[in-house]
């Protein structure tokens, strides 16, 4: 229904603070992963008819009794997807940092 809202919020936040994050954290990677996921989810929801071009835009909001279910989906599924993306990004940063450290150490030993 609207699980894309959680990663969208995370993408907006990470994009807005990207200049304050040190370069070694590769915040651009996180932004790319989040925005890519958001775009894919939106396309999927449009293809499934869950997002429409007229108000209320989310078909789940047509029925007020479905709104709590939609909010629960945003929190559970959207939160889980966002956490998975952030975890993958963190692993990528750790691996990149490890490789860089090993490369610098080996170059220092050669000198």
PDB file of N, CA and C in Angstrom:
ATOM      1  N   UNK A   1       0.820  -1.194   0.000  1.00  0.00           N
ATOM      2  CA  UNK A   1       0.000   0.000   0.000  1.00  0.00           C
ATOM      3  C   UNK A   1       0.863   1.257   0.000  1.00  0.00           C
ATOM      4  N   UNK A   2       1.618   1.464   1.068  1.00  0.00           N
ATOM      5  CA  UNK A   2       2.403   2.692   1.167  1.00  0.00           C
ATOM      6  C   UNK A   2       3.732   2.448   1.864  1.00  0.00           C
ATOM      7  N   UNK A   3       4.273   1.251   1.718  1.00  0.00           N
ATOM      8  CA  UNK A   3       5.518   0.917   2.407  1.00  0.00           C
ATOM      9  C   UNK A   3       6.683   1.776   1.933  1.00  0.00           C
ATOM     10  N   UNK A   4       6.546   2.402   0.774  1.00  0.00           N
ATOM     11  CA  UNK A   4       7.615   3.235   0.235  1.00  0.00           C
ATOM     12  C   UNK A   4       7.793   4.543   1.012  1.00  0.00           C
ATOM     13  N   UNK A   5       6.869   4.876   1.879  1.00  0.00           N
ATOM     14  CA  UNK A   5       6.952   6.147   2.603  1.00  0.00           C
ATOM     15  C   UNK A   5       8.117   6.139   3.595  1.00  0.00           C
ATOM     16  N   UNK A   6       8.380   5.028   4.257  1.00  0.00           N
ATOM     17  CA  UNK A   6       9.489   4.963   5.221  1.00  0.00           C
ATOM     18  C   UNK A   6      10.847   5.168   4.546  1.00  0.00           C
ATOM     19  N   UNK A   7      11.173   4.438   3.459  1.00  0.00           N
ATOM     20  CA  UNK A   7      12.458   4.707   2.814  1.00  0.00           C
ATOM     21  C   UNK A   7      12.504   6.092   2.158  1.00  0.00           C
ATOM     22  N   UNK A   8      11.349   6.615   1.754  1.00  0.00           N
ATOM     23  CA  UNK A   8      11.324   7.966   1.195  1.00  0.00           C
ATOM     24  C   UNK A   8      11.725   8.985   2.260  1.00  0.00           C
ATOM     25  N   UNK A   9      11.194   8.831   3.458  1.00  0.00           N
ATOM     26  CA  UNK A   9      11.555   9.731   4.552  1.00  0.00           C
ATOM     27  C   UNK A   9      13.048   9.627   4.857  1.00  0.00           C
ATOM     28  N   UNK A  10      13.567   8.406   4.896  1.00  0.00           N
ATOM     29  CA  UNK A  10      14.995   8.214   5.153  1.00  0.00           C
ATOM     30  C   UNK A  10      15.840   8.824   4.038  1.00  0.00           C
ATOM     31  N   UNK A  11      15.392   8.682   2.792  1.00  0.00           N
ATOM     32  CA  UNK A  11      16.128   9.253   1.660  1.00  0.00           C
ATOM     33  C   UNK A  11      16.132  10.771   1.715  1.00  0.00           C
ATOM     34  N   UNK A  12      15.023  11.362   2.081  1.00  0.00           N
ATOM     35  CA  UNK A  12      14.954  12.823   2.195  1.00  0.00           C
ATOM     36  C   UNK A  12      15.903  13.305   3.289  1.00  0.00           C
ATOM     37  N   UNK A  13      15.900  12.628   4.413  1.00  0.00           N
ATOM     38  CA  UNK A  13      16.772  13.024   5.524  1.00  0.00           C
ATOM     39  C   UNK A  13      18.239  12.860   5.148  1.00  0.00           C
ATOM     40  N   UNK A  14      18.596  11.702   4.598  1.00  0.00           N
ATOM     41  CA  UNK A  14      20.008  11.467   4.265  1.00  0.00           C
ATOM     42  C   UNK A  14      20.490  12.393   3.157  1.00  0.00           C
ATOM     43  N   UNK A  15      19.612  12.736   2.230  1.00  0.00           N
ATOM     44  CA  UNK A  15      19.987  13.664   1.171  1.00  0.00           C
ATOM     45  C   UNK A  15      20.176  15.069   1.730  1.00  0.00           C
ATOM     46  N   UNK A  16      19.343  15.453   2.671  1.00  0.00           N
ATOM     47  CA  UNK A  16      19.435  16.815   3.211  1.00  0.00           C
ATOM     48  C   UNK A  16      20.663  17.014   4.099  1.00  0.00           C
ATOM     49  N   UNK A  17      21.203  15.950   4.685  1.00  0.00           N
ATOM     50  CA  UNK A  17      22.374  16.093   5.557  1.00  0.00           C
ATOM     51  C   UNK A  17      23.661  15.591   4.902  1.00  0.00           C
ATOM     52  N   UNK A  18      23.621  15.273   3.636  1.00  0.00           N
ATOM     53  CA  UNK A  18      24.764  14.638   2.983  1.00  0.00           C
ATOM     54  C   UNK A  18      26.041  15.468   3.037  1.00  0.00           C
ATOM     55  N   UNK A  19      25.944  16.785   3.022  1.00  0.00           N
ATOM     56  CA  UNK A  19      27.150  17.620   3.034  1.00  0.00           C
ATOM     57  C   UNK A  19      27.781  17.692   4.418  1.00  0.00           C
ATOM     58  N   UNK A  20      27.057  17.292   5.438  1.00  0.00           N
ATOM     59  CA  UNK A  20      27.578  17.320   6.800  1.00  0.00           C
ATOM     60  C   UNK A  20      28.219  15.994   7.200  1.00  0.00           C
ATOM     61  N   UNK A  21      28.066  14.976   6.376  1.00  0.00           N
ATOM     62  CA  UNK A  21      28.589  13.639   6.673  1.00  0.00           C
ATOM     63  C   UNK A  21      29.993  13.519   6.078  1.00  0.00           C
ATOM     64  N   UNK A  22      30.967  13.041   6.843  1.00  0.00           N
ATOM     65  CA  UNK A  22      32.323  12.877   6.303  1.00  0.00           C
ATOM     66  C   UNK A  22      32.340  11.975   5.065  1.00  0.00           C
ATOM     67  N   UNK A  23      33.230  12.290   4.172  1.00  0.00           N
ATOM     68  CA  UNK A  23      33.329  11.589   2.887  1.00  0.00           C
ATOM     69  C   UNK A  23      33.564  10.088   3.050  1.00  0.00           C
ATOM     70  N   UNK A  24      34.268   9.701   4.108  1.00  0.00           N
ATOM     71  CA  UNK A  24      34.614   8.288   4.293  1.00  0.00           C
ATOM     72  C   UNK A  24      33.390   7.411   4.548  1.00  0.00           C
ATOM     73  N   UNK A  25      32.244   8.020   4.857  1.00  0.00           N
ATOM     74  CA  UNK A  25      31.019   7.247   5.080  1.00  0.00           C
ATOM     75  C   UNK A  25      30.226   7.010   3.793  1.00  0.00           C
ATOM     76  N   UNK A  26      30.673   7.577   2.695  1.00  0.00           N
ATOM     77  CA  UNK A  26      30.050   7.331   1.384  1.00  0.00           C
ATOM     78  C   UNK A  26      28.529   7.507   1.434  1.00  0.00           C
ATOM     79  N   UNK A  27      28.078   8.643   1.936  1.00  0.00           N
ATOM     80  CA  UNK A  27      26.639   8.886   2.065  1.00  0.00           C
ATOM     81  C   UNK A  27      25.937   8.853   0.705  1.00  0.00           C
ATOM     82  N   UNK A  28      26.679   9.125  -0.354  1.00  0.00           N
ATOM     83  CA  UNK A  28      26.112   9.034  -1.699  1.00  0.00           C
ATOM     84  C   UNK A  28      25.642   7.629  -2.018  1.00  0.00           C
ATOM     85  N   UNK A  29      26.345   6.634  -1.511  1.00  0.00           N
ATOM     86  CA  UNK A  29      25.923   5.245  -1.711  1.00  0.00           C
ATOM     87  C   UNK A  29      24.576   5.011  -1.054  1.00  0.00           C
ATOM     88  N   UNK A  30      24.436   5.498   0.172  1.00  0.00           N
ATOM     89  CA  UNK A  30      23.170   5.319   0.883  1.00  0.00           C
ATOM     90  C   UNK A  30      22.039   6.031   0.149  1.00  0.00           C
ATOM     91  N   UNK A  31      22.295   7.257  -0.287  1.00  0.00           N
ATOM     92  CA  UNK A  31      21.259   8.004  -1.012  1.00  0.00           C
ATOM     93  C   UNK A  31      20.843   7.278  -2.281  1.00  0.00           C
ATOM     94  N   UNK A  32      21.819   6.772  -3.022  1.00  0.00           N
ATOM     95  CA  UNK A  32      21.504   6.049  -4.255  1.00  0.00           C
ATOM     96  C   UNK A  32      20.678   4.804  -3.966  1.00  0.00           C
ATOM     97  N   UNK A  33      21.054   4.071  -2.937  1.00  0.00           N
ATOM     98  CA  UNK A  33      20.314   2.855  -2.581  1.00  0.00           C
ATOM     99  C   UNK A  33      18.899   3.180  -2.127  1.00  0.00           C
ATOM    100  N   UNK A  34      18.757   4.204  -1.289  1.00  0.00           N
ATOM    101  CA  UNK A  34      17.422   4.568  -0.803  1.00  0.00           C
ATOM    102  C   UNK A  34      16.537   5.072  -1.934  1.00  0.00           C
ATOM    103  N   UNK A  35      17.033   6.030  -2.716  1.00  0.00           N
ATOM    104  CA  UNK A  35      16.208   6.584  -3.800  1.00  0.00           C
ATOM    105  C   UNK A  35      15.892   5.530  -4.858  1.00  0.00           C
ATOM    106  N   UNK A  36      16.850   4.646  -5.143  1.00  0.00           N
ATOM    107  CA  UNK A  36      16.577   3.559  -6.091  1.00  0.00           C
ATOM    108  C   UNK A  36      15.480   2.644  -5.589  1.00  0.00           C
ATOM    109  N   UNK A  37      15.539   2.315  -4.308  1.00  0.00           N
ATOM    110  CA  UNK A  37      14.490   1.485  -3.717  1.00  0.00           C
ATOM    111  C   UNK A  37      13.136   2.164  -3.742  1.00  0.00           C
ATOM    112  N   UNK A  38      13.128   3.453  -3.454  1.00  0.00           N
ATOM    113  CA  UNK A  38      11.870   4.212  -3.469  1.00  0.00           C
ATOM    114  C   UNK A  38      11.263   4.203  -4.867  1.00  0.00           C
ATOM    115  N   UNK A  39      12.082   4.465  -5.870  1.00  0.00           N
ATOM    116  CA  UNK A  39      11.580   4.496  -7.247  1.00  0.00           C
ATOM    117  C   UNK A  39      11.031   3.125  -7.643  1.00  0.00           C
ATOM    118  N   UNK A  40      11.762   2.074  -7.297  1.00  0.00           N
ATOM    119  CA  UNK A  40      11.290   0.720  -7.634  1.00  0.00           C
ATOM    120  C   UNK A  40       9.968   0.408  -6.931  1.00  0.00           C
ATOM    121  N   UNK A  41       9.838   0.801  -5.667  1.00  0.00           N
ATOM    122  CA  UNK A  41       8.596   0.549  -4.934  1.00  0.00           C
ATOM    123  C   UNK A  41       7.434   1.341  -5.515  1.00  0.00           C
ATOM    124  N   UNK A  42       7.690   2.583  -5.891  1.00  0.00           N
ATOM    125  CA  UNK A  42       6.618   3.394  -6.481  1.00  0.00           C
ATOM    126  C   UNK A  42       6.159   2.787  -7.799  1.00  0.00           C
ATOM    127  N   UNK A  43       7.114   2.374  -8.635  1.00  0.00           N
ATOM    128  CA  UNK A  43       6.746   1.744  -9.912  1.00  0.00           C
ATOM    129  C   UNK A  43       5.937   0.474  -9.660  1.00  0.00           C
ATOM    130  N   UNK A  44       6.365  -0.331  -8.680  1.00  0.00           N
ATOM    131  CA  UNK A  44       5.635  -1.555  -8.334  1.00  0.00           C
ATOM    132  C   UNK A  44       4.213  -1.230  -7.873  1.00  0.00           C
ATOM    133  N   UNK A  45       4.065  -0.218  -7.030  1.00  0.00           N
ATOM    134  CA  UNK A  45       2.739   0.139  -6.522  1.00  0.00           C
ATOM    135  C   UNK A  45       1.843   0.715  -7.621  1.00  0.00           C
ATOM    136  N   UNK A  46       2.429   1.441  -8.545  1.00  0.00           N
ATOM    137  CA  UNK A  46       1.645   1.949  -9.682  1.00  0.00           C
ATOM    138  C   UNK A  46       1.189   0.775 -10.545  1.00  0.00           C
ATOM    139  N   UNK A  47       2.093  -0.159 -10.817  1.00  0.00           N
ATOM    140  CA  UNK A  47       1.759  -1.324 -11.641  1.00  0.00           C
ATOM    141  C   UNK A  47       0.664  -2.171 -11.008  1.00  0.00           C
ATOM    142  N   UNK A  48       0.630  -2.210  -9.681  1.00  0.00           N
ATOM    143  CA  UNK A  48      -0.384  -2.998  -8.977  1.00  0.00           C
ATOM    144  C   UNK A  48      -1.654  -2.210  -8.692  1.00  0.00           C
ATOM    145  N   UNK A  49      -1.701  -0.964  -9.135  1.00  0.00           N
ATOM    146  CA  UNK A  49      -2.902  -0.154  -8.952  1.00  0.00           C
ATOM    147  C   UNK A  49      -3.086   0.392  -7.550  1.00  0.00           C
ATOM    148  N   UNK A  50      -2.034   0.371  -6.740  1.00  0.00           N
ATOM    149  CA  UNK A  50      -2.139   0.879  -5.375  1.00  0.00           C
ATOM    150  C   UNK A  50      -1.905   2.381  -5.303  1.00  0.00           C
ATOM    151  N   UNK A  51      -1.278   2.934  -6.337  1.00  0.00           N
ATOM    152  CA  UNK A  51      -1.106   4.380  -6.471  1.00  0.00           C
ATOM    153  C   UNK A  51      -1.803   4.778  -7.755  1.00  0.00           C
ATOM    154  N   UNK A  52      -2.643   5.819  -7.664  1.00  0.00           N
ATOM    155  CA  UNK A  52      -3.387   6.291  -8.829  1.00  0.00           C
ATOM    156  C   UNK A  52      -3.111   7.773  -9.051  1.00  0.00           C
ATOM    157  N   UNK A  53      -3.471   8.276 -10.205  1.00  0.00           N
ATOM    158  CA  UNK A  53      -3.171   9.655 -10.581  1.00  0.00           C
ATOM    159  C   UNK A  53      -4.204  10.667 -10.084  1.00  0.00           C
ATOM    160  N   UNK A  54      -5.141  10.255  -9.296  1.00  0.00           N
ATOM    161  CA  UNK A  54      -6.168  11.160  -8.790  1.00  0.00           C
ATOM    162  C   UNK A  54      -6.288  11.003  -7.273  1.00  0.00           C
ATOM    163  N   UNK A  55      -6.758  12.032  -6.600  1.00  0.00           N
ATOM    164  CA  UNK A  55      -6.871  11.951  -5.126  1.00  0.00           C
ATOM    165  C   UNK A  55      -7.751  10.789  -4.710  1.00  0.00           C
ATOM    166  N   UNK A  56      -7.432  10.141  -3.685  1.00  0.00           N
ATOM    167  CA  UNK A  56      -6.408  10.380  -2.664  1.00  0.00           C
ATOM    168  C   UNK A  56      -5.040   9.796  -3.006  1.00  0.00           C
ATOM    169  N   UNK A  57      -4.789   9.404  -4.224  1.00  0.00           N
ATOM    170  CA  UNK A  57      -3.523   8.901  -4.750  1.00  0.00           C
ATOM    171  C   UNK A  57      -3.160   7.509  -4.229  1.00  0.00           C
ATOM    172  N   UNK A  58      -3.356   7.248  -2.974  1.00  0.00           N
ATOM    173  CA  UNK A  58      -3.166   5.900  -2.439  1.00  0.00           C
ATOM    174  C   UNK A  58      -4.536   5.250  -2.306  1.00  0.00           C
ATOM    175  N   UNK A  59      -4.735   4.146  -2.980  1.00  0.00           N
ATOM    176  CA  UNK A  59      -6.056   3.513  -2.964  1.00  0.00           C
ATOM    177  C   UNK A  59      -6.445   3.053  -1.565  1.00  0.00           C
ATOM    178  N   UNK A  60      -5.473   2.821  -0.699  1.00  0.00           N
ATOM    179  CA  UNK A  60      -5.782   2.400   0.673  1.00  0.00           C
ATOM    180  C   UNK A  60      -6.490   3.496   1.450  1.00  0.00           C
ATOM    181  N   UNK A  61      -6.347   4.738   1.023  1.00  0.00           N
ATOM    182  CA  UNK A  61      -6.967   5.841   1.750  1.00  0.00           C
ATOM    183  C   UNK A  61      -8.414   6.082   1.336  1.00  0.00           C
ATOM    184  N   UNK A  62      -8.897   5.348   0.351  1.00  0.00           N
ATOM    185  CA  UNK A  62     -10.289   5.487  -0.061  1.00  0.00           C
ATOM    186  C   UNK A  62     -11.234   5.004   1.028  1.00  0.00           C
ATOM    187  N   UNK A  63     -10.796   4.013   1.768  1.00  0.00           N
ATOM    188  CA  UNK A  63     -11.596   3.446   2.842  1.00  0.00           C
ATOM    189  C   UNK A  63     -10.934   3.816   4.177  1.00  0.00           C
ATOM    190  N   UNK A  64     -11.564   4.655   4.980  1.00  0.00           N
ATOM    191  CA  UNK A  64     -10.938   5.082   6.238  1.00  0.00           C
ATOM    192  C   UNK A  64     -10.559   3.926   7.168  1.00  0.00           C
ATOM    193  N   UNK A  65     -11.253   2.822   7.093  1.00  0.00           N
ATOM    194  CA  UNK A  65     -10.910   1.688   7.971  1.00  0.00           C
ATOM    195  C   UNK A  65      -9.602   1.015   7.546  1.00  0.00           C
ATOM    196  N   UNK A  66      -9.130   1.284   6.331  1.00  0.00           N
ATOM    197  CA  UNK A  66      -7.881   0.691   5.857  1.00  0.00           C
ATOM    198  C   UNK A  66      -6.663   1.528   6.238  1.00  0.00           C
ATOM    199  N   UNK A  67      -6.872   2.738   6.733  1.00  0.00           N
ATOM    200  CA  UNK A  67      -5.750   3.615   7.070  1.00  0.00           C
ATOM    201  C   UNK A  67      -4.871   3.033   8.184  1.00  0.00           C
ATOM    202  N   UNK A  68      -5.421   2.486   9.260  1.00  0.00           N
ATOM    203  CA  UNK A  68      -4.534   1.872  10.270  1.00  0.00           C
ATOM    204  C   UNK A  68      -3.701   0.721   9.710  1.00  0.00           C
ATOM    205  N   UNK A  69      -4.270  -0.038   8.809  1.00  0.00           N
ATOM    206  CA  UNK A  69      -3.525  -1.132   8.174  1.00  0.00           C
ATOM    207  C   UNK A  69      -2.387  -0.552   7.342  1.00  0.00           C
ATOM    208  N   UNK A  70      -2.663   0.541   6.653  1.00  0.00           N
ATOM    209  CA  UNK A  70      -1.644   1.197   5.838  1.00  0.00           C
ATOM    210  C   UNK A  70      -0.509   1.723   6.718  1.00  0.00           C
ATOM    211  N   UNK A  71      -0.835   2.341   7.829  1.00  0.00           N
ATOM    212  CA  UNK A  71       0.182   2.871   8.739  1.00  0.00           C
ATOM    213  C   UNK A  71       1.017   1.732   9.310  1.00  0.00           C
ATOM    214  N   UNK A  72       0.369   0.631   9.649  1.00  0.00           N
ATOM    215  CA  UNK A  72       1.105  -0.529  10.153  1.00  0.00           C
ATOM    216  C   UNK A  72       2.069  -1.059   9.099  1.00  0.00           C
ATOM    217  N   UNK A  73       1.646  -1.060   7.838  1.00  0.00           N
ATOM    218  CA  UNK A  73       2.517  -1.511   6.754  1.00  0.00           C
ATOM    219  C   UNK A  73       3.708  -0.575   6.581  1.00  0.00           C
ATOM    220  N   UNK A  74       3.466   0.716   6.691  1.00  0.00           N
ATOM    221  CA  UNK A  74       4.558   1.684   6.575  1.00  0.00           C
ATOM    222  C   UNK A  74       5.607   1.409   7.655  1.00  0.00           C
ATOM    223  N   UNK A  75       5.133   1.190   8.877  1.00  0.00           N
ATOM    224  CA  UNK A  75       6.053   0.980   9.995  1.00  0.00           C
ATOM    225  C   UNK A  75       6.768  -0.367   9.892  1.00  0.00           C
ATOM    226  N   UNK A  76       6.027  -1.432   9.635  1.00  0.00           N
ATOM    227  CA  UNK A  76       6.642  -2.766   9.645  1.00  0.00           C
ATOM    228  C   UNK A  76       7.431  -3.050   8.372  1.00  0.00           C
ATOM    229  N   UNK A  77       6.775  -3.055   7.234  1.00  0.00           N
ATOM    230  CA  UNK A  77       7.461  -3.378   5.982  1.00  0.00           C
ATOM    231  C   UNK A  77       8.411  -2.271   5.541  1.00  0.00           C
ATOM    232  N   UNK A  78       7.921  -1.043   5.580  1.00  0.00           N
ATOM    233  CA  UNK A  78       8.773   0.084   5.184  1.00  0.00           C
ATOM    234  C   UNK A  78       9.964   0.231   6.105  1.00  0.00           C
ATOM    235  N   UNK A  79       9.727   0.062   7.404  1.00  0.00           N
ATOM    236  CA  UNK A  79      10.826   0.137   8.364  1.00  0.00           C
ATOM    237  C   UNK A  79      11.829  -0.975   8.157  1.00  0.00           C
ATOM    238  N   UNK A  80      11.352  -2.169   7.893  1.00  0.00           N
ATOM    239  CA  UNK A  80      12.244  -3.308   7.656  1.00  0.00           C
ATOM    240  C   UNK A  80      13.068  -3.104   6.382  1.00  0.00           C
ATOM    241  N   UNK A  81      12.433  -2.618   5.331  1.00  0.00           N
ATOM    242  CA  UNK A  81      13.163  -2.367   4.085  1.00  0.00           C
ATOM    243  C   UNK A  81      14.218  -1.283   4.275  1.00  0.00           C
ATOM    244  N   UNK A  82      13.852  -0.233   4.995  1.00  0.00           N
ATOM    245  CA  UNK A  82      14.793   0.847   5.252  1.00  0.00           C
ATOM    246  C   UNK A  82      15.965   0.348   6.089  1.00  0.00           C
ATOM    247  N   UNK A  83      15.676  -0.445   7.106  1.00  0.00           N
ATOM    248  CA  UNK A  83      16.737  -1.004   7.947  1.00  0.00           C
ATOM    249  C   UNK A  83      17.657  -1.916   7.139  1.00  0.00           C
ATOM    250  N   UNK A  84      17.085  -2.698   6.234  1.00  0.00           N
ATOM    251  CA  UNK A  84      17.896  -3.589   5.395  1.00  0.00           C
ATOM    252  C   UNK A  84      18.818  -2.785   4.474  1.00  0.00           C
ATOM    253  N   UNK A  85      18.298  -1.718   3.900  1.00  0.00           N
ATOM    254  CA  UNK A  85      19.111  -0.870   3.030  1.00  0.00           C
ATOM    255  C   UNK A  85      20.246  -0.236   3.824  1.00  0.00           C
ATOM    256  N   UNK A  86      19.934   0.288   5.002  1.00  0.00           N
ATOM    257  CA  UNK A  86      20.959   0.921   5.835  1.00  0.00           C
ATOM    258  C   UNK A  86      21.995  -0.116   6.279  1.00  0.00           C
ATOM    259  N   UNK A  87      21.572  -1.322   6.596  1.00  0.00           N
ATOM    260  CA  UNK A  87      22.506  -2.379   6.992  1.00  0.00           C
ATOM    261  C   UNK A  87      23.440  -2.739   5.837  1.00  0.00           C
ATOM    262  N   UNK A  88      22.894  -2.868   4.641  1.00  0.00           N
ATOM    263  CA  UNK A  88      23.733  -3.167   3.466  1.00  0.00           C
ATOM    264  C   UNK A  88      24.740  -2.051   3.226  1.00  0.00           C
ATOM    265  N   UNK A  89      24.278  -0.811   3.350  1.00  0.00           N
ATOM    266  CA  UNK A  89      25.177   0.337   3.188  1.00  0.00           C
ATOM    267  C   UNK A  89      26.283   0.300   4.243  1.00  0.00           C
ATOM    268  N   UNK A  90      25.936   0.024   5.491  1.00  0.00           N
ATOM    269  CA  UNK A  90      26.935  -0.026   6.562  1.00  0.00           C
ATOM    270  C   UNK A  90      27.982  -1.102   6.278  1.00  0.00           C
ATOM    271  N   UNK A  91      27.539  -2.252   5.810  1.00  0.00           N
ATOM    272  CA  UNK A  91      28.478  -3.328   5.464  1.00  0.00           C
ATOM    273  C   UNK A  91      29.395  -2.877   4.331  1.00  0.00           C
ATOM    274  N   UNK A  92      28.823  -2.221   3.324  1.00  0.00           N
ATOM    275  CA  UNK A  92      29.630  -1.721   2.211  1.00  0.00           C
ATOM    276  C   UNK A  92      30.685  -0.723   2.696  1.00  0.00           C
ATOM    277  N   UNK A  93      30.311   0.167   3.594  1.00  0.00           N
ATOM    278  CA  UNK A  93      31.247   1.161   4.120  1.00  0.00           C
ATOM    279  C   UNK A  93      32.357   0.481   4.915  1.00  0.00           C
ATOM    280  N   UNK A  94      32.003  -0.506   5.731  1.00  0.00           N
ATOM    281  CA  UNK A  94      33.000  -1.227   6.526  1.00  0.00           C
ATOM    282  C   UNK A  94      33.979  -1.970   5.611  1.00  0.00           C
ATOM    283  N   UNK A  95      33.459  -2.627   4.585  1.00  0.00           N
ATOM    284  CA  UNK A  95      34.323  -3.348   3.645  1.00  0.00           C
ATOM    285  C   UNK A  95      35.232  -2.374   2.909  1.00  0.00           C
ATOM    286  N   UNK A  96      34.689  -1.258   2.440  1.00  0.00           N
ATOM    287  CA  UNK A  96      35.493  -0.268   1.723  1.00  0.00           C
ATOM    288  C   UNK A  96      36.579   0.301   2.631  1.00  0.00           C
ATOM    289  N   UNK A  97      36.236   0.560   3.887  1.00  0.00           N
ATOM    290  CA  UNK A  97      37.207   1.092   4.833  1.00  0.00           C
ATOM    291  C   UNK A  97      38.304   0.067   5.117  1.00  0.00           C
ATOM    292  N   UNK A  98      37.932  -1.191   5.238  1.00  0.00           N
ATOM    293  CA  UNK A  98      38.907  -2.258   5.485  1.00  0.00           C
ATOM    294  C   UNK A  98      39.870  -2.388   4.306  1.00  0.00           C
ATOM    295  N   UNK A  99      39.325  -2.358   3.101  1.00  0.00           N
ATOM    296  CA  UNK A  99      40.168  -2.461   1.904  1.00  0.00           C
ATOM    297  C   UNK A  99      41.108  -1.272   1.817  1.00  0.00           C
ATOM    298  N   UNK A 100      40.614  -0.085   2.075  1.00  0.00           N
ATOM    299  CA  UNK A 100      41.440   1.127   2.023  1.00  0.00           C
ATOM    300  C   UNK A 100      42.544   1.071   3.074  1.00  0.00           C
ATOM    301  N   UNK A 101      42.207   0.641   4.270  1.00  0.00           N
ATOM    302  CA  UNK A 101      43.200   0.541   5.344  1.00  0.00           C
ATOM    303  C   UNK A 101      44.280  -0.474   4.995  1.00  0.00           C
ATOM    304  N   UNK A 102      43.878  -1.629   4.479  1.00  0.00           N
ATOM    305  CA  UNK A 102      44.857  -2.654   4.095  1.00  0.00           C
ATOM    306  C   UNK A 102      45.757  -2.143   2.970  1.00  0.00           C
ATOM    307  N   UNK A 103      45.176  -1.444   2.010  1.00  0.00           N
ATOM    308  CA  UNK A 103      45.951  -0.915   0.890  1.00  0.00           C
ATOM    309  C   UNK A 103      46.967   0.116   1.392  1.00  0.00           C
ATOM    310  N   UNK A 104      46.529   1.000   2.285  1.00  0.00           N
ATOM    311  CA  UNK A 104      47.445   2.013   2.826  1.00  0.00           C
ATOM    312  C   UNK A 104      48.537   1.369   3.661  1.00  0.00           C
ATOM    313  N   UNK A 105      48.198   0.335   4.414  1.00  0.00           N
ATOM    314  CA  UNK A 105      49.189  -0.360   5.236  1.00  0.00           C
ATOM    315  C   UNK A 105      50.223  -1.046   4.372  1.00  0.00           C
ATOM    316  N   UNK A 106      49.790  -1.721   3.307  1.00  0.00           N
ATOM    317  CA  UNK A 106      50.720  -2.424   2.431  1.00  0.00           C
ATOM    318  C   UNK A 106      51.606  -1.448   1.674  1.00  0.00           C
ATOM    319  N   UNK A 107      51.066  -0.297   1.294  1.00  0.00           N
ATOM    320  CA  UNK A 107      51.880   0.718   0.616  1.00  0.00           C
ATOM    321  C   UNK A 107      52.901   1.330   1.568  1.00  0.00           C
ATOM    322  N   UNK A 108      52.522   1.514   2.823  1.00  0.00           N
ATOM    323  CA  UNK A 108      53.440   2.059   3.819  1.00  0.00           C
ATOM    324  C   UNK A 108      54.569   1.085   4.104  1.00  0.00           C
ATOM    325  N   UNK A 109      54.286  -0.217   4.067  1.00  0.00           N
ATOM    326  CA  UNK A 109      55.316  -1.215   4.316  1.00  0.00           C
ATOM    327  C   UNK A 109      56.303  -1.305   3.154  1.00  0.00           C
ATOM    328  N   UNK A 110      55.858  -0.993   1.949  1.00  0.00           N
ATOM    329  CA  UNK A 110      56.733  -1.037   0.776  1.00  0.00           C
ATOM    330  C   UNK A 110      57.721   0.118   0.796  1.00  0.00           C
ATOM    331  N   UNK A 111      57.407   1.193   1.467  1.00  0.00           N
ATOM    332  CA  UNK A 111      58.279   2.355   1.484  1.00  0.00           C
ATOM    333  C   UNK A 111      59.292   2.193   2.545  1.00  0.00           C
TER     334      UNK A 111
END
